[in-house]
Amino acid sequence: MAATDTHRTIDAVWRIESAKLIAGLARIVRDVGLAEELAQDALVAALKQWPEAGIPRNPGAWLMATAKHRAIDRLRRNKRLARKLEELGHELDIEGAGAAPDLDAALDDDVGDDLLRLIFTACHPVLSSEARVALTLRLLGGLTTAEIARAFLVSEPTVEQRIIRAKRMLAEARIPFEVPRGEERAARLSSVLEVLYLIFNEGYAATSGDDWMRPQLCEEALRLGRILAGLAPKEPEVHGLVALMEIQASRFGARTGPSGEPVLLLDQNRARWDELLIRRGLAALQRAEAQARGLGQPLGPYTLQAAIAACHARARTAEETEWPHIAALYEVLAQLTPSPVVELNRAVALAMAFGPAVGLELADALASEPLLENYHLLPSVRGDFLAKLGRFDEARAAFERAAALTRNARERALLLDRAAACGSAAV
């Protein structure tokens, strides 16, 4: 295998295994910052050895074994962590004469789930809300600083500093590596839900790279969401988020064409949507709505978004979509969680329900929003409205602007194709 192919394979393995590796190490060393460092050390070792020795049969186990040996070396050298040697000796088998680490025990996920423990640890109230989400996206989602910055619409240095401070604060506070119970779990739940939501969204529409989607992130977020629903079965918003992810995931088979190119929602072959996931999502939505009513609470933001997704799932064709109802749901969502991104989505729904001129008016009003200054979907949405209004020169410029802002190669190609089509229509 060529070195470049090996490096691509290593990158793919890292994307898949890094969260599990860090979670397993965090359970052992009780320090998420140190766990990430050890995982990175294992990655560096793989980059050095695998191009010559070949890819191991079980890459995840190789990375874990390497990281555990690095942990032993680190603990021996570091006087600051000397007290952990005695505490953790039985797990690391430091005194064993060359005994092999118990990889199965380290890698297996039990009912408690190391990954879920890691989420709740990273979402501890000692951290700010922004730091909790950024740290968990890095540790569990495997997202780069740039990808997290795009998700939050903030600068990369800001995200990097949040992550550095978060790891330091967790270490200094000696936060236990566990899933909390009772009131403490409820207090952290909103941050955990936000993390899962952002991880899923990054997988559903990748902010950068050559692929339109990163399904493994969606699958991980959905898996963790289902586990969380089992841990907190009476929380409406947990079921609301699971419903949203189930329904969105049902479209995977229709979201890309034969060459991996994006297929937009209204152009998708709905026969390729996964009916099982739709049914599961609708059932979870029903639970969320029933529980909210039972508690006398309004629907939360994730349940509202799931209700919007359900409108699409129930429509057999794009033409049957109940856009006025979707617009009304977005209006409720905008009141509950005011956001320029929600307003942009509401503009799309209004355009579909009442015409592109109505949507364009709202989109133009968002042009001065600082958070949307470099958000590629604003000019993309404006380009769509302008094209439908026959203002092709303006639409082409908007699509070109959107293409310049996106970091996803597939999306850039789609936007440039739409710009070219507007150019041809304007002639």
Protein backbone atom coordinates (compact mmCIF):
# COMPACT_ATOMS: atom_id res chain seq x y z
CA MET A 1 0.00 0.00 0.00
CA ALA A 2 1.38 3.45 -0.95
CA ALA A 3 2.28 5.83 1.90
CA THR A 4 -0.46 8.27 0.86
CA ASP A 5 -3.05 5.48 0.89
CA THR A 6 -1.83 4.36 4.31
CA HIS A 7 -2.13 7.88 5.66
CA ARG A 8 -5.68 8.14 4.33
CA THR A 9 -6.48 4.84 6.01
CA ILE A 10 -4.96 6.06 9.28
CA ASP A 11 -7.06 9.22 9.06
CA ALA A 12 -10.20 7.13 8.52
CA VAL A 13 -9.32 4.81 11.42
CA TRP A 14 -8.70 7.81 13.66
CA ARG A 15 -12.05 9.31 12.78
CA ILE A 16 -13.76 6.07 13.75
CA GLU A 17 -11.70 5.04 16.78
CA SER A 18 -10.56 8.28 18.42
CA ALA A 19 -13.63 8.90 20.58
CA LYS A 20 -13.70 5.33 21.87
CA LEU A 21 -9.94 5.42 22.45
CA ILE A 22 -10.07 8.68 24.44
CA ALA A 23 -13.06 7.48 26.44
CA GLY A 24 -11.37 4.20 27.33
CA LEU A 25 -8.17 6.01 28.34
CA ALA A 26 -10.11 8.57 30.37
CA ARG A 27 -11.67 5.74 32.37
CA ILE A 28 -8.15 4.47 33.12
CA VAL A 29 -6.27 7.71 33.87
CA ARG A 30 -9.26 9.79 35.12
CA ASP A 31 -8.04 12.84 33.19
CA VAL A 32 -9.59 13.72 29.82
CA GLY A 33 -6.75 16.05 28.85
CA LEU A 34 -4.15 13.38 29.51
CA ALA A 35 -6.33 10.81 27.74
CA GLU A 36 -6.40 12.96 24.60
CA GLU A 37 -2.62 13.45 24.74
CA LEU A 38 -2.07 9.70 25.03
CA ALA A 39 -4.43 9.05 22.13
CA GLN A 40 -2.54 11.60 20.03
CA ASP A 41 0.74 9.89 20.95
CA ALA A 42 -0.70 6.62 19.68
CA LEU A 43 -1.73 8.33 16.45
CA VAL A 44 1.80 9.67 15.94
CA ALA A 45 3.16 6.17 16.50
CA ALA A 46 0.74 4.80 13.90
CA LEU A 47 1.83 7.42 11.38
CA LYS A 48 5.44 6.33 11.89
CA GLN A 49 4.97 2.55 11.95
CA TRP A 50 1.99 1.63 9.79
CA PRO A 51 3.38 2.87 6.45
CA GLU A 52 6.22 0.34 6.82
CA ALA A 53 4.65 -2.44 8.90
CA GLY A 54 1.17 -2.28 7.37
CA ILE A 55 -2.26 -1.68 8.89
CA PRO A 56 -2.91 -3.99 11.89
CA ARG A 57 -5.83 -6.41 11.76
CA ASN A 58 -7.46 -4.55 14.66
CA PRO A 59 -6.36 -0.91 14.39
CA GLY A 60 -8.40 0.20 17.40
CA ALA A 61 -6.82 -2.41 19.66
CA TRP A 62 -3.35 -1.46 18.39
CA LEU A 63 -3.98 2.20 19.19
CA MET A 64 -5.32 1.34 22.64
CA ALA A 65 -2.37 -0.95 23.44
CA THR A 66 0.10 1.72 22.31
CA ALA A 67 -1.67 4.44 24.27
CA LYS A 68 -1.77 2.30 27.42
CA HIS A 69 1.96 1.65 27.21
CA ARG A 70 2.52 5.39 26.76
CA ALA A 71 0.34 5.94 29.83
CA ILE A 72 2.58 3.62 31.85
CA ASP A 73 5.68 5.48 30.70
CA ARG A 74 4.07 8.86 31.37
CA LEU A 75 2.94 7.91 34.86
CA ARG A 76 6.39 6.58 35.74
CA ARG A 77 8.12 9.75 34.56
CA ASN A 78 5.69 12.33 35.86
CA LYS A 79 6.08 12.98 39.58
CA ARG A 80 2.90 15.01 39.56
CA LEU A 81 0.95 11.85 38.75
CA ALA A 82 2.94 9.51 40.98
CA ARG A 83 0.02 8.99 43.35
CA LYS A 84 -1.99 7.51 40.46
CA LEU A 85 0.49 4.68 40.02
CA GLU A 86 -0.65 2.91 43.16
CA GLU A 87 -4.32 3.77 42.55
CA LEU A 88 -4.35 2.56 38.96
CA GLY A 89 -1.67 -0.14 39.11
CA HIS A 90 -4.16 -2.98 38.97
CA GLU A 91 -5.72 -1.59 35.77
CA LEU A 92 -2.45 -0.90 33.96
CA ASP A 93 -0.68 -3.99 35.33
CA ILE A 94 2.46 -1.90 35.79
CA GLU A 95 4.14 -4.46 38.01
CA GLY A 96 3.39 -7.34 35.67
CA ALA A 97 6.51 -8.65 33.94
CA GLY A 98 5.56 -7.73 30.40
CA ALA A 99 1.93 -8.74 30.87
CA ALA A 100 -0.23 -7.82 27.90
CA PRO A 101 -2.91 -5.19 28.53
CA ASP A 102 -6.49 -6.46 28.69
CA LEU A 103 -7.59 -4.95 25.39
CA ASP A 104 -11.04 -6.51 25.43
CA ALA A 105 -11.82 -4.96 28.79
CA ALA A 106 -10.43 -1.63 27.65
CA LEU A 107 -12.35 -1.53 24.40
CA ASP A 108 -15.70 -3.10 25.29
CA ASP A 109 -18.61 -0.75 25.99
CA ASP A 110 -20.83 -1.96 28.81
CA VAL A 111 -24.22 -0.63 29.87
CA GLY A 112 -22.60 2.43 31.43
CA ASP A 113 -20.82 3.23 28.17
CA ASP A 114 -17.44 4.98 28.38
CA LEU A 115 -18.42 7.41 25.65
CA LEU A 116 -21.48 8.56 27.56
CA ARG A 117 -19.39 8.96 30.72
CA LEU A 118 -17.00 11.11 28.71
CA ILE A 119 -19.84 13.34 27.47
CA PHE A 120 -21.12 13.97 30.98
CA THR A 121 -17.60 14.59 32.27
CA ALA A 122 -16.92 17.12 29.54
CA CYS A 123 -20.30 18.75 30.24
CA HIS A 124 -19.60 19.37 33.93
CA PRO A 125 -20.96 22.70 35.30
CA VAL A 126 -17.43 23.77 36.28
CA LEU A 127 -17.03 24.64 32.57
CA SER A 128 -18.85 27.31 30.60
CA SER A 129 -21.53 26.11 28.23
CA GLU A 130 -19.39 26.96 25.19
CA ALA A 131 -16.39 25.13 26.62
CA ARG A 132 -18.44 22.02 27.42
CA VAL A 133 -19.70 21.71 23.88
CA ALA A 134 -16.37 22.52 22.21
CA LEU A 135 -14.46 20.03 24.38
CA THR A 136 -16.93 17.21 23.81
CA LEU A 137 -17.02 17.81 20.07
CA ARG A 138 -13.23 17.51 20.05
CA LEU A 139 -13.06 14.43 22.27
CA LEU A 140 -16.06 12.46 21.05
CA GLY A 141 -16.80 13.82 17.61
CA GLY A 142 -13.20 13.91 16.48
CA LEU A 143 -13.86 17.35 15.02
CA THR A 144 -10.97 19.67 14.30
CA THR A 145 -10.77 23.16 15.75
CA ALA A 146 -11.78 24.55 12.36
CA GLU A 147 -14.87 22.35 12.16
CA ILE A 148 -15.97 23.30 15.67
CA ALA A 149 -15.44 26.97 14.84
CA ARG A 150 -17.67 26.59 11.80
CA ALA A 151 -20.34 24.89 13.88
CA PHE A 152 -20.32 27.78 16.37
CA LEU A 153 -19.67 30.55 13.83
CA VAL A 154 -16.72 31.78 15.91
CA SER A 155 -12.96 32.05 15.30
CA GLU A 156 -10.60 29.09 15.52
CA PRO A 157 -8.37 30.69 18.23
CA THR A 158 -11.48 31.19 20.37
CA VAL A 159 -12.37 27.51 20.13
CA GLU A 160 -8.79 26.40 20.78
CA GLN A 161 -8.57 28.49 23.94
CA ARG A 162 -11.90 27.14 25.17
CA ILE A 163 -10.65 23.58 24.78
CA ILE A 164 -7.31 24.24 26.49
CA ARG A 165 -8.97 25.97 29.44
CA ALA A 166 -11.64 23.29 29.71
CA LYS A 167 -9.14 20.42 29.95
CA ARG A 168 -7.10 22.32 32.53
CA MET A 169 -10.15 23.09 34.67
CA LEU A 170 -11.36 19.48 34.59
CA ALA A 171 -7.94 18.27 35.69
CA GLU A 172 -7.62 20.84 38.46
CA ALA A 173 -11.14 20.14 39.76
CA ARG A 174 -10.56 16.35 39.63
CA ILE A 175 -13.95 15.78 38.03
CA PRO A 176 -14.99 12.11 38.39
CA PHE A 177 -15.35 10.10 35.21
CA GLU A 178 -18.96 9.01 35.59
CA VAL A 179 -22.56 9.45 34.48
CA PRO A 180 -24.14 11.61 37.21
CA ARG A 181 -27.49 10.84 38.78
CA GLY A 182 -30.54 12.77 39.93
CA GLU A 183 -30.50 16.55 39.91
CA GLU A 184 -26.89 16.76 38.77
CA ARG A 185 -27.68 14.74 35.65
CA ALA A 186 -30.66 16.97 34.86
CA ALA A 187 -28.49 20.07 35.24
CA ARG A 188 -26.01 18.80 32.63
CA LEU A 189 -28.59 17.36 30.27
CA SER A 190 -29.10 20.45 28.10
CA SER A 191 -25.37 20.66 27.35
CA VAL A 192 -25.24 16.96 26.53
CA LEU A 193 -28.16 17.33 24.13
CA GLU A 194 -26.48 20.28 22.44
CA VAL A 195 -23.31 18.25 22.00
CA LEU A 196 -25.16 15.33 20.42
CA TYR A 197 -27.06 17.72 18.16
CA LEU A 198 -23.91 19.40 16.89
CA ILE A 199 -22.09 16.10 16.38
CA PHE A 200 -25.03 14.80 14.36
CA ASN A 201 -25.22 17.98 12.28
CA GLU A 202 -21.51 17.82 11.46
CA GLY A 203 -22.03 14.30 10.19
CA TYR A 204 -25.22 15.18 8.32
CA ALA A 205 -23.67 18.08 6.39
CA ALA A 206 -19.90 18.17 6.84
CA THR A 207 -18.51 21.67 7.17
CA SER A 208 -15.29 20.79 5.36
CA GLY A 209 -13.53 18.06 3.45
CA ASP A 210 -14.33 16.12 0.31
CA ASP A 211 -17.45 14.30 1.50
CA TRP A 212 -20.96 15.70 1.74
CA MET A 213 -21.66 13.61 4.84
CA ARG A 214 -19.72 11.90 7.63
CA PRO A 215 -22.19 9.13 8.52
CA GLN A 216 -20.09 7.73 11.38
CA LEU A 217 -20.64 10.95 13.34
CA CYS A 218 -24.40 10.73 12.81
CA GLU A 219 -24.42 7.09 13.81
CA GLU A 220 -22.42 7.84 16.98
CA ALA A 221 -24.66 10.75 17.95
CA LEU A 222 -27.77 8.64 17.35
CA ARG A 223 -26.35 5.69 19.29
CA LEU A 224 -25.51 7.92 22.24
CA GLY A 225 -28.91 9.58 22.00
CA ARG A 226 -30.64 6.22 22.26
CA ILE A 227 -28.52 5.30 25.28
CA LEU A 228 -29.35 8.65 26.87
CA ALA A 229 -33.06 8.06 26.25
CA GLY A 230 -32.70 4.85 28.24
CA LEU A 231 -30.96 6.69 31.08
CA ALA A 232 -33.44 9.58 31.15
CA PRO A 233 -36.71 8.06 29.85
CA LYS A 234 -38.95 10.79 31.31
CA GLU A 235 -37.15 13.75 29.67
CA PRO A 236 -39.21 14.99 26.67
CA GLU A 237 -36.31 16.74 24.96
CA VAL A 238 -34.17 13.60 24.99
CA HIS A 239 -36.86 11.83 22.97
CA GLY A 240 -37.30 14.95 20.85
CA LEU A 241 -33.64 14.95 19.87
CA VAL A 242 -33.66 11.21 19.19
CA ALA A 243 -36.75 11.71 17.01
CA LEU A 244 -35.02 14.47 15.06
CA MET A 245 -31.90 12.37 14.48
CA GLU A 246 -33.87 9.24 13.52
CA ILE A 247 -35.92 11.12 10.92
CA GLN A 248 -32.94 13.01 9.51
CA ALA A 249 -30.89 9.81 9.34
CA SER A 250 -33.68 8.16 7.32
CA ARG A 251 -32.67 10.33 4.34
CA PHE A 252 -29.05 9.16 4.12
CA GLY A 253 -29.63 6.84 1.16
CA ALA A 254 -31.15 9.66 -0.89
CA ARG A 255 -28.86 12.56 0.05
CA THR A 256 -26.06 11.71 -2.40
CA GLY A 257 -25.97 10.73 -6.05
CA PRO A 258 -23.98 7.97 -7.77
CA SER A 259 -20.72 9.93 -7.56
CA GLY A 260 -21.24 11.20 -4.04
CA GLU A 261 -22.65 14.53 -5.17
CA PRO A 262 -25.24 16.22 -2.88
CA VAL A 263 -28.93 15.76 -3.62
CA LEU A 264 -31.06 18.48 -2.02
CA LEU A 265 -34.19 17.64 -0.05
CA LEU A 266 -36.76 18.58 -2.68
CA ASP A 267 -34.90 16.58 -5.35
CA GLN A 268 -34.48 13.38 -3.33
CA ASN A 269 -36.03 10.06 -4.28
CA ARG A 270 -38.24 9.51 -1.25
CA ALA A 271 -38.54 5.83 -2.02
CA ARG A 272 -34.93 5.60 -0.81
CA TRP A 273 -35.77 7.02 2.61
CA ASP A 274 -35.50 4.46 5.40
CA GLU A 275 -39.04 3.69 6.55
CA LEU A 276 -37.87 1.94 9.70
CA LEU A 277 -35.96 5.01 10.88
CA ILE A 278 -38.95 7.20 10.02
CA ARG A 279 -41.26 5.01 12.11
CA ARG A 280 -38.80 5.05 14.98
CA GLY A 281 -38.49 8.80 14.74
CA LEU A 282 -42.23 9.40 14.64
CA ALA A 283 -42.67 7.11 17.67
CA ALA A 284 -39.98 9.05 19.58
CA LEU A 285 -41.67 12.33 18.59
CA GLN A 286 -44.99 11.03 19.88
CA ARG A 287 -43.34 10.16 23.21
CA ALA A 288 -41.74 13.60 23.46
CA GLU A 289 -45.00 15.41 22.73
CA ALA A 290 -47.00 13.22 25.14
CA GLN A 291 -44.47 13.69 27.95
CA ALA A 292 -44.39 17.48 27.44
CA ARG A 293 -48.18 17.59 27.64
CA GLY A 294 -48.14 15.40 30.73
CA LEU A 295 -45.70 17.76 32.43
CA GLY A 296 -47.63 20.83 31.31
CA GLN A 297 -44.59 22.08 29.37
CA PRO A 298 -44.38 23.66 25.92
CA LEU A 299 -42.53 21.72 23.26
CA GLY A 300 -38.77 22.20 23.48
CA PRO A 301 -36.47 23.19 20.58
CA TYR A 302 -35.46 19.64 19.65
CA THR A 303 -39.05 18.40 19.70
CA LEU A 304 -40.09 21.34 17.52
CA GLN A 305 -37.34 20.56 15.02
CA ALA A 306 -38.39 16.91 15.05
CA ALA A 307 -41.96 18.02 14.30
CA ILE A 308 -40.62 19.98 11.31
CA ALA A 309 -38.68 16.94 10.10
CA ALA A 310 -41.80 14.83 10.55
CA CYS A 311 -43.70 17.11 8.13
CA HIS A 312 -41.19 16.16 5.44
CA ALA A 313 -41.23 12.49 6.42
CA ARG A 314 -45.02 12.26 6.16
CA ALA A 315 -45.13 13.90 2.71
CA ARG A 316 -45.02 11.26 -0.03
CA THR A 317 -43.82 13.85 -2.54
CA ALA A 318 -42.15 17.22 -2.18
CA GLU A 319 -45.30 18.88 -3.49
CA GLU A 320 -47.37 17.45 -0.62
CA THR A 321 -45.19 19.08 2.05
CA GLU A 322 -47.20 21.25 4.46
CA TRP A 323 -45.01 24.33 4.22
CA PRO A 324 -47.41 26.72 6.03
CA HIS A 325 -47.33 24.37 9.03
CA ILE A 326 -43.52 24.18 8.85
CA ALA A 327 -43.34 28.00 8.73
CA ALA A 328 -45.57 28.18 11.80
CA LEU A 329 -43.36 25.71 13.67
CA TYR A 330 -40.28 27.76 12.79
CA GLU A 331 -41.99 30.87 14.13
CA VAL A 332 -42.55 29.10 17.48
CA LEU A 333 -38.95 27.90 17.43
CA ALA A 334 -37.69 31.42 16.70
CA GLN A 335 -39.60 32.74 19.71
CA LEU A 336 -38.27 29.97 21.95
CA THR A 337 -34.63 30.11 20.81
CA PRO A 338 -34.01 33.36 18.88
CA SER A 339 -31.22 32.83 16.36
CA PRO A 340 -30.31 34.24 12.93
CA VAL A 341 -29.87 30.67 11.67
CA VAL A 342 -33.41 29.76 12.77
CA GLU A 343 -34.64 32.92 11.06
CA LEU A 344 -32.87 31.89 7.86
CA ASN A 345 -34.58 28.50 7.99
CA ARG A 346 -37.89 30.28 8.59
CA ALA A 347 -37.23 32.38 5.49
CA VAL A 348 -36.95 29.17 3.42
CA ALA A 349 -40.23 27.85 4.83
CA LEU A 350 -41.99 31.17 4.18
CA ALA A 351 -40.68 31.21 0.61
CA MET A 352 -41.99 27.69 -0.01
CA ALA A 353 -45.35 28.53 1.57
CA PHE A 354 -45.97 32.04 0.28
CA GLY A 355 -43.48 32.70 -2.52
CA PRO A 356 -39.77 33.56 -2.93
CA ALA A 357 -40.32 37.31 -2.54
CA VAL A 358 -41.52 36.78 1.04
CA GLY A 359 -38.50 34.66 1.86
CA LEU A 360 -36.09 37.09 0.21
CA GLU A 361 -37.39 39.97 2.31
CA LEU A 362 -36.51 38.12 5.52
CA ALA A 363 -33.17 36.86 4.14
CA ASP A 364 -32.17 40.39 3.14
CA ALA A 365 -32.99 41.58 6.65
CA LEU A 366 -30.47 39.06 7.98
CA ALA A 367 -27.63 40.39 5.80
CA SER A 368 -26.43 42.72 8.57
CA GLU A 369 -26.26 39.94 11.20
CA PRO A 370 -22.58 39.66 12.29
CA LEU A 371 -22.91 35.93 12.98
CA LEU A 372 -23.98 35.30 9.38
CA GLU A 373 -21.25 37.41 7.77
CA ASN A 374 -19.27 34.35 6.68
CA TYR A 375 -22.11 31.82 6.81
CA HIS A 376 -22.33 30.33 3.34
CA LEU A 377 -25.97 29.31 3.60
CA LEU A 378 -27.17 32.93 3.69
CA PRO A 379 -25.99 33.77 0.14
CA SER A 380 -26.97 30.25 -0.95
CA VAL A 381 -30.54 30.76 0.24
CA ARG A 382 -30.65 34.24 -1.27
CA GLY A 383 -29.39 32.83 -4.57
CA ASP A 384 -32.22 30.31 -4.62
CA PHE A 385 -34.83 33.00 -3.99
CA LEU A 386 -33.32 35.33 -6.60
CA ALA A 387 -33.20 32.56 -9.22
CA LYS A 388 -36.88 31.75 -8.65
CA LEU A 389 -37.67 35.44 -9.10
CA GLY A 390 -35.79 35.48 -12.42
CA ARG A 391 -33.04 37.76 -11.14
CA PHE A 392 -30.34 35.49 -12.52
CA ASP A 393 -27.35 37.83 -12.46
CA GLU A 394 -27.88 38.53 -8.77
CA ALA A 395 -28.49 34.84 -8.12
CA ARG A 396 -25.24 33.87 -9.84
CA ALA A 397 -23.28 36.34 -7.70
CA ALA A 398 -24.95 35.00 -4.55
CA PHE A 399 -24.13 31.39 -5.41
CA GLU A 400 -20.53 32.31 -6.21
CA ARG A 401 -20.28 34.09 -2.86
CA ALA A 402 -21.64 30.99 -1.10
CA ALA A 403 -19.18 28.75 -2.96
CA ALA A 404 -16.30 30.94 -1.83
CA LEU A 405 -17.37 30.66 1.80
CA THR A 406 -18.01 26.93 2.11
CA ARG A 407 -15.15 24.57 3.01
CA ASN A 408 -16.89 21.45 1.77
CA ALA A 409 -15.72 20.43 -1.71
CA ARG A 410 -18.99 18.70 -2.65
CA GLU A 411 -21.06 21.68 -1.59
CA ARG A 412 -18.76 24.08 -3.42
CA ALA A 413 -19.19 22.13 -6.64
CA LEU A 414 -22.98 22.17 -6.24
CA LEU A 415 -23.04 25.92 -5.65
CA LEU A 416 -20.79 26.63 -8.62
CA ASP A 417 -23.04 24.48 -10.81
CA ARG A 418 -26.03 26.52 -9.69
CA ALA A 419 -24.11 29.73 -10.38
CA ALA A 420 -23.27 28.52 -13.89
CA ALA A 421 -26.92 27.60 -14.52
CA CYS A 422 -27.97 31.11 -13.51
CA GLY A 423 -25.33 32.52 -15.84
CA SER A 424 -26.74 30.50 -18.74
CA ALA A 425 -30.31 31.52 -17.88
CA ALA A 426 -29.34 35.19 -17.82
CA VAL A 427 -28.06 35.10 -21.42
